C-alpha atoms as a PDB file:
ATOM      1  CA  MET A   1      94.368   3.873 153.915  1.00  0.00           C
ATOM      2  CA  ASN A   2      96.857   6.352 154.000  1.00  0.00           C
ATOM      3  CA  ASN A   3      95.142   8.344 150.978  1.00  0.00           C
ATOM      4  CA  LYS A   4      91.835   8.047 152.694  1.00  0.00           C
ATOM      5  CA  LEU A   5      93.231   9.530 155.743  1.00  0.00           C
ATOM      6  CA  ILE A   6      94.478  12.576 153.315  1.00  0.00           C
ATOM      7  CA  ILE A   7      91.876  13.201 151.783  1.00  0.00           C
ATOM      8  CA  GLY A   8      89.944  13.370 154.989  1.00  0.00           C
ATOM      9  CA  PHE A   9      92.172  15.989 156.439  1.00  0.00           C
ATOM     10  CA  LEU A  10      92.362  18.134 153.549  1.00  0.00           C
ATOM     11  CA  GLY A  11      88.342  18.166 153.222  1.00  0.00           C
ATOM     12  CA  ILE A  12      88.555  19.523 156.167  1.00  0.00           C
ATOM     13  CA  ALA A  13      90.744  21.985 155.762  1.00  0.00           C
ATOM     14  CA  LEU A  14      89.157  22.604 152.847  1.00  0.00           C
ATOM     15  CA  LEU A  15      85.762  23.471 155.031  1.00  0.00           C
ATOM     16  CA  TYR A  16      87.269  25.840 157.355  1.00  0.00           C
ATOM     17  CA  ILE A  17      89.002  27.741 154.696  1.00  0.00           C
ATOM     18  CA  LEU A  18      85.485  28.355 153.005  1.00  0.00           C
ATOM     19  CA  GLY A  19      83.296  28.735 156.220  1.00  0.00           C
ATOM     20  CA  SER A  20      85.611  31.405 157.901  1.00  0.00           C
ATOM     21  CA  ALA A  21      85.161  33.357 154.289  1.00  0.00           C
ATOM     22  CA  SER A  22      83.302  36.262 153.973  1.00  0.00           C
ATOM     23  CA  PRO A  23      81.162  37.291 150.888  1.00  0.00           C
ATOM     24  CA  ASN A  24      82.605  40.791 149.831  1.00  0.00           C
ATOM     25  CA  CYS A  25      79.165  41.493 147.709  1.00  0.00           C
ATOM     26  CA  HIS A  26      78.747  44.794 149.200  1.00  0.00           C
ATOM     27  CA  SER A  27      80.655  48.143 147.507  1.00  0.00           C
ATOM     28  CA  PHE A  28      79.972  50.209 150.482  1.00  0.00           C
ATOM     29  CA  GLU A  29      81.486  50.789 153.747  1.00  0.00           C
ATOM     30  CA  SER A  30      80.460  49.773 156.581  1.00  0.00           C
ATOM     31  CA  ASN A  31      80.031  53.109 158.421  1.00  0.00           C
ATOM     32  CA  LEU A  32      78.963  56.516 157.776  1.00  0.00           C
ATOM     33  CA  ILE A  33      79.973  58.982 159.939  1.00  0.00           C
ATOM     34  CA  ILE A  34      77.643  62.155 159.594  1.00  0.00           C
ATOM     35  CA  ASN A  35      78.640  66.097 160.298  1.00  0.00           C
ATOM     36  CA  LYS A  36      76.251  68.010 159.761  1.00  0.00           C
ATOM     37  CA  ILE A  37      72.609  67.959 157.607  1.00  0.00           C
ATOM     38  CA  GLU A  38      71.668  70.864 155.716  1.00  0.00           C
ATOM     39  CA  ILE A  39      67.410  71.463 155.034  1.00  0.00           C
ATOM     40  CA  ASN A  40      66.718  73.299 152.048  1.00  0.00           C
ATOM     41  CA  ILE A  41      62.627  74.198 152.025  1.00  0.00           C
ATOM     42  CA  THR A  42      61.300  75.275 148.209  1.00  0.00           C
ATOM     43  CA  GLY A  43      57.914  76.366 146.961  1.00  0.00           C
ATOM     44  CA  LEU A  44      56.380  79.050 144.699  1.00  0.00           C
ATOM     45  CA  SER A  45      54.618  82.106 145.455  1.00  0.00           C
ATOM     46  CA  THR A  46      52.277  84.676 143.640  1.00  0.00           C
ATOM     47  CA  VAL A  47      55.849  86.650 143.176  1.00  0.00           C
ATOM     48  CA  GLY A  48      58.340  83.621 142.336  1.00  0.00           C
ATOM     49  CA  LYS A  49      60.269  80.913 144.012  1.00  0.00           C
ATOM     50  CA  TYR A  50      61.288  81.044 147.788  1.00  0.00           C
ATOM     51  CA  LYS A  51      63.748  79.182 149.464  1.00  0.00           C
ATOM     52  CA  CYS A  52      64.198  78.782 153.102  1.00  0.00           C
ATOM     53  CA  SER A  53      67.587  76.971 154.851  1.00  0.00           C
ATOM     54  CA  THR A  54      69.319  75.694 157.692  1.00  0.00           C
ATOM     55  CA  THR A  55      72.671  74.221 158.098  1.00  0.00           C
ATOM     56  CA  PHE A  56      73.446  72.549 161.967  1.00  0.00           C
ATOM     57  CA  ILE A  57      76.241  70.187 162.817  1.00  0.00           C
ATOM     58  CA  LYS A  58      75.002  66.682 163.968  1.00  0.00           C
ATOM     59  CA  LYS A  59      78.034  64.093 164.656  1.00  0.00           C
ATOM     60  CA  ASP A  60      76.643  60.664 164.335  1.00  0.00           C
ATOM     61  CA  THR A  61      77.752  57.443 163.024  1.00  0.00           C
ATOM     62  CA  ILE A  62      75.424  54.978 160.982  1.00  0.00           C
ATOM     63  CA  VAL A  63      76.444  51.381 160.694  1.00  0.00           C
ATOM     64  CA  LEU A  64      74.792  49.473 158.175  1.00  0.00           C
ATOM     65  CA  ASN A  65      73.692  46.536 157.350  1.00  0.00           C
ATOM     66  CA  VAL A  66      73.505  45.569 161.204  1.00  0.00           C
ATOM     67  CA  ASP A  67      69.818  46.196 163.508  1.00  0.00           C
ATOM     68  CA  ASN A  68      71.466  48.370 166.719  1.00  0.00           C
ATOM     69  CA  LYS A  69      72.910  52.039 165.611  1.00  0.00           C
ATOM     70  CA  ASN A  70      71.287  52.280 162.167  1.00  0.00           C
ATOM     71  CA  CYS A  71      69.431  55.113 162.600  1.00  0.00           C
ATOM     72  CA  ILE A  72      70.617  59.013 162.922  1.00  0.00           C
ATOM     73  CA  LYS A  73      67.731  61.201 164.729  1.00  0.00           C
ATOM     74  CA  ALA A  74      67.517  64.632 164.540  1.00  0.00           C
ATOM     75  CA  GLU A  75      66.238  67.678 166.369  1.00  0.00           C
ATOM     76  CA  ILE A  76      65.425  70.772 163.574  1.00  0.00           C
ATOM     77  CA  PRO A  77      65.265  74.095 165.259  1.00  0.00           C
ATOM     78  CA  MET A  78      62.421  75.679 163.122  1.00  0.00           C
ATOM     79  CA  VAL A  79      63.473  78.889 164.388  1.00  0.00           C
ATOM     80  CA  LYS A  80      67.234  78.934 162.746  1.00  0.00           C
ATOM     81  CA  PHE A  81      65.931  78.575 158.925  1.00  0.00           C
ATOM     82  CA  ASP A  82      66.579  81.825 156.991  1.00  0.00           C
ATOM     83  CA  CYS A  83      64.399  82.548 153.708  1.00  0.00           C
ATOM     84  CA  GLY A  84      66.833  85.679 152.435  1.00  0.00           C
ATOM     85  CA  ASN A  85      64.382  88.126 153.418  1.00  0.00           C
ATOM     86  CA  ARG A  86      63.201  89.078 157.399  1.00  0.00           C
ATOM     87  CA  ILE A  87      59.476  89.223 155.865  1.00  0.00           C
ATOM     88  CA  MET A  88      59.359  85.842 154.793  1.00  0.00           C
ATOM     89  CA  THR A  89      61.331  84.255 157.259  1.00  0.00           C
ATOM     90  CA  LYS A  90      59.329  85.522 159.699  1.00  0.00           C
ATOM     91  CA  ASP A  91      55.921  84.287 157.707  1.00  0.00           C
ATOM     92  CA  LEU A  92      57.369  80.903 157.610  1.00  0.00           C
ATOM     93  CA  GLN A  93      57.936  80.544 161.463  1.00  0.00           C
ATOM     94  CA  ALA A  94      54.630  81.813 161.665  1.00  0.00           C
ATOM     95  CA  THR A  95      53.368  79.228 159.124  1.00  0.00           C
ATOM     96  CA  VAL A  96      54.820  76.223 160.603  1.00  0.00           C
ATOM     97  CA  LYS A  97      53.718  77.771 164.851  1.00  0.00           C
ATOM     98  CA  THR A  98      57.384  78.094 165.673  1.00  0.00           C
ATOM     99  CA  THR A  99      56.236  79.337 169.281  1.00  0.00           C
ATOM    100  CA  GLU A 100      54.218  76.286 169.854  1.00  0.00           C
ATOM    101  CA  PHE A 101      56.407  73.551 167.704  1.00  0.00           C
ATOM    102  CA  PRO A 102      59.872  75.120 167.737  1.00  0.00           C
ATOM    103  CA  SER A 103      61.470  72.292 166.784  1.00  0.00           C
ATOM    104  CA  SER A 104      60.339  69.435 164.381  1.00  0.00           C
ATOM    105  CA  PHE A 105      62.441  65.860 164.269  1.00  0.00           C
ATOM    106  CA  VAL A 106      63.524  63.571 161.821  1.00  0.00           C
ATOM    107  CA  ASN A 107      63.796  59.828 162.531  1.00  0.00           C
ATOM    108  CA  ILE A 108      65.686  58.216 159.647  1.00  0.00           C
ATOM    109  CA  SER A 109      66.482  54.310 160.173  1.00  0.00           C
ATOM    110  CA  ASP A 110      66.811  50.794 158.724  1.00  0.00           C
ATOM    111  CA  ILE A 111      69.498  52.048 156.091  1.00  0.00           C
ATOM    112  CA  LYS A 112      70.417  49.544 153.892  1.00  0.00           C
ATOM    113  CA  ALA A 113      72.505  49.734 150.284  1.00  0.00           C
ATOM    114  CA  TYR A 114      69.946  49.531 147.556  1.00  0.00           C
ATOM    115  CA  GLY A 115      72.033  49.583 144.472  1.00  0.00           C
ATOM    116  CA  ASN A 116      74.252  52.977 144.990  1.00  0.00           C
ATOM    117  CA  HIS A 117      72.089  54.701 146.742  1.00  0.00           C
ATOM    118  CA  TYR A 118      70.468  53.854 150.059  1.00  0.00           C
ATOM    119  CA  LYS A 119      67.129  52.809 151.294  1.00  0.00           C
ATOM    120  CA  CYS A 120      65.822  53.784 154.797  1.00  0.00           C
ATOM    121  CA  ASN A 121      62.942  54.562 156.431  1.00  0.00           C
ATOM    122  CA  LEU A 122      61.911  58.049 156.724  1.00  0.00           C
ATOM    123  CA  ASN A 123      59.540  59.689 160.295  1.00  0.00           C
ATOM    124  CA  PHE A 124      59.229  63.202 159.946  1.00  0.00           C
ATOM    125  CA  LEU A 125      57.515  64.960 163.107  1.00  0.00           C
ATOM    126  CA  ILE A 126      56.637  68.803 162.041  1.00  0.00           C
ATOM    127  CA  THR A 127      53.810  70.633 164.111  1.00  0.00           C
ATOM    128  CA  ASN A 128      52.671  68.184 165.879  1.00  0.00           C
ATOM    129  CA  LYS A 129      51.891  65.776 162.804  1.00  0.00           C
ATOM    130  CA  THR A 130      53.989  62.463 161.742  1.00  0.00           C
ATOM    131  CA  LEU A 131      54.919  62.186 158.183  1.00  0.00           C
ATOM    132  CA  ARG A 132      56.322  58.295 158.102  1.00  0.00           C
ATOM    133  CA  TYR A 133      58.305  56.780 154.544  1.00  0.00           C
ATOM    134  CA  LYS A 134      58.690  53.136 154.052  1.00  0.00           C
ATOM    135  CA  ASP A 135      61.391  52.687 151.812  1.00  0.00           C
ATOM    136  CA  PHE A 136      62.541  56.051 150.872  1.00  0.00           C
ATOM    137  CA  ILE A 137      65.458  56.423 148.842  1.00  0.00           C
ATOM    138  CA  LEU A 138      68.208  58.266 149.604  1.00  0.00           C
ATOM    139  CA  THR A 139      70.248  59.337 146.697  1.00  0.00           C
ATOM    140  CA  LYS A 140      74.587  59.336 147.313  1.00  0.00           C
ATOM    141  CA  ASP A 141      76.357  62.517 145.639  1.00  0.00           C
ATOM    142  CA  ASN A 142      80.457  62.555 146.741  1.00  0.00           C
ATOM    143  CA  SER A 143      79.925  63.227 150.151  1.00  0.00           C
ATOM    144  CA  LYS A 144      76.924  63.335 151.474  1.00  0.00           C
ATOM    145  CA  LEU A 145      73.549  61.970 151.109  1.00  0.00           C
ATOM    146  CA  GLN A 146      70.002  63.224 150.327  1.00  0.00           C
ATOM    147  CA  GLY A 147      66.592  62.891 150.186  1.00  0.00           C
ATOM    148  CA  VAL A 148      63.650  65.181 149.094  1.00  0.00           C
ATOM    149  CA  ILE A 149      59.777  64.531 150.229  1.00  0.00           C
ATOM    150  CA  ALA A 150      57.236  66.702 148.317  1.00  0.00           C
ATOM    151  CA  LEU A 151      54.530  67.597 150.579  1.00  0.00           C
ATOM    152  CA  ASN A 152      51.156  70.279 150.589  1.00  0.00           C
ATOM    153  CA  LEU A 153      51.035  72.424 154.273  1.00  0.00           C
ATOM    154  CA  SER A 154      47.724  71.408 154.330  1.00  0.00           C
ATOM    155  CA  ASP A 155      48.526  67.948 154.394  1.00  0.00           C
ATOM    156  CA  ILE A 156      50.205  68.886 157.697  1.00  0.00           C
ATOM    157  CA  GLY A 157      47.556  71.214 159.135  1.00  0.00           C
ATOM    158  CA  LEU A 158      48.971  73.966 158.085  1.00  0.00           C
ATOM    159  CA  VAL A 159      47.600  77.470 156.254  1.00  0.00           C
ATOM    160  CA  PRO A 160      50.109  78.794 153.110  1.00  0.00           C
ATOM    161  CA  PRO A 161      50.490  82.551 154.131  1.00  0.00           C
ATOM    162  CA  VAL A 162      48.331  84.999 152.237  1.00  0.00           C
ATOM    163  CA  LYS A 163      49.641  88.377 151.989  1.00  0.00           C
ATOM    164  CA  MET A 164      48.331  91.922 150.681  1.00  0.00           C
ATOM    165  CA  GLY A 165      44.647  90.653 151.072  1.00  0.00           C
ATOM    166  CA  GLY A 166      45.310  88.455 148.841  1.00  0.00           C
ATOM    167  CA  LEU A 167      47.902  89.267 146.411  1.00  0.00           C
ATOM    168  CA  ILE A 168      50.681  87.460 147.124  1.00  0.00           C
ATOM    169  CA  LYS A 169      49.738  83.945 148.159  1.00  0.00           C
ATOM    170  CA  VAL A 170      52.144  80.912 149.106  1.00  0.00           C
ATOM    171  CA  LYS A 171      51.266  77.704 146.820  1.00  0.00           C
ATOM    172  CA  ASP A 172      50.177  74.347 149.305  1.00  0.00           C
ATOM    173  CA  GLN A 173      53.116  72.381 147.782  1.00  0.00           C
ATOM    174  CA  ILE A 174      56.484  72.637 149.351  1.00  0.00           C
ATOM    175  CA  GLU A 175      59.772  70.038 148.487  1.00  0.00           C
ATOM    176  CA  VAL A 176      62.028  69.686 151.460  1.00  0.00           C
ATOM    177  CA  LYS A 177      65.577  68.622 150.592  1.00  0.00           C
ATOM    178  CA  PHE A 178      67.621  67.694 153.670  1.00  0.00           C
ATOM    179  CA  ASP A 179      71.301  66.726 153.076  1.00  0.00           C
ATOM    180  CA  LEU A 180      73.565  64.779 155.296  1.00  0.00           C
ATOM    181  CA  PHE A 181      77.016  65.443 154.608  1.00  0.00           C
ATOM    182  CA  TYR A 182      79.778  62.350 155.889  1.00  0.00           C
ATOM    183  CA  LYS A 183      83.314  61.302 155.800  1.00  0.00           C
END
C-alpha cells in the first residue's frame, strides 16, 4: 500500500515538473527594440543609377510571438529624402507628389521567427495607394532587419520623370529597401 502511495506522489510530482516546463524552441529574442529606420529608393535612368535615402529616429518595441504589440507603424516624411543632387531630389518630390501627399506610411505586423529571419505582413501606403504583402521576409543582419520591395512607379499611379525633351528618362521600376535598426 505504501508503494502505491509513493508511486502516486512521484507521478503527481513528475506531472507538475513536466507541466511547468516551457519549451525553448526559438533561438530568437522575444523583443526587438527599434531605434532607427533607414529607407533607400534606387532605380535606373538613361544616365545611370540613382539612390535617394532618408533616415529617421523611430523608437518602438516589437514583442515577438504574441498578438498585441507585434507590429510597428511608421510615418515616412517624403520631403526628408535626399538624392545627393538638388535637382534629382526635387524631381523625386515632384514624382511622389509631396505637396499633396507629404508622408507615406508603413505598417509591419504579425512578425514571427522564420528560420534565421522573420516573416511578417507589410502594408505600405504611398501617395493614395496601399501595397499589401503577406508573408513578407525580413532578413536579419547583425543589428538590423532588412526588407526589399521591387515595384513599378506606374503600379502606384506615378509617372517616371522625363527631362531635357526626353533625353533623360527615369525607368519605371524602383527598389525600396528599408532597414530597421534594433538593440
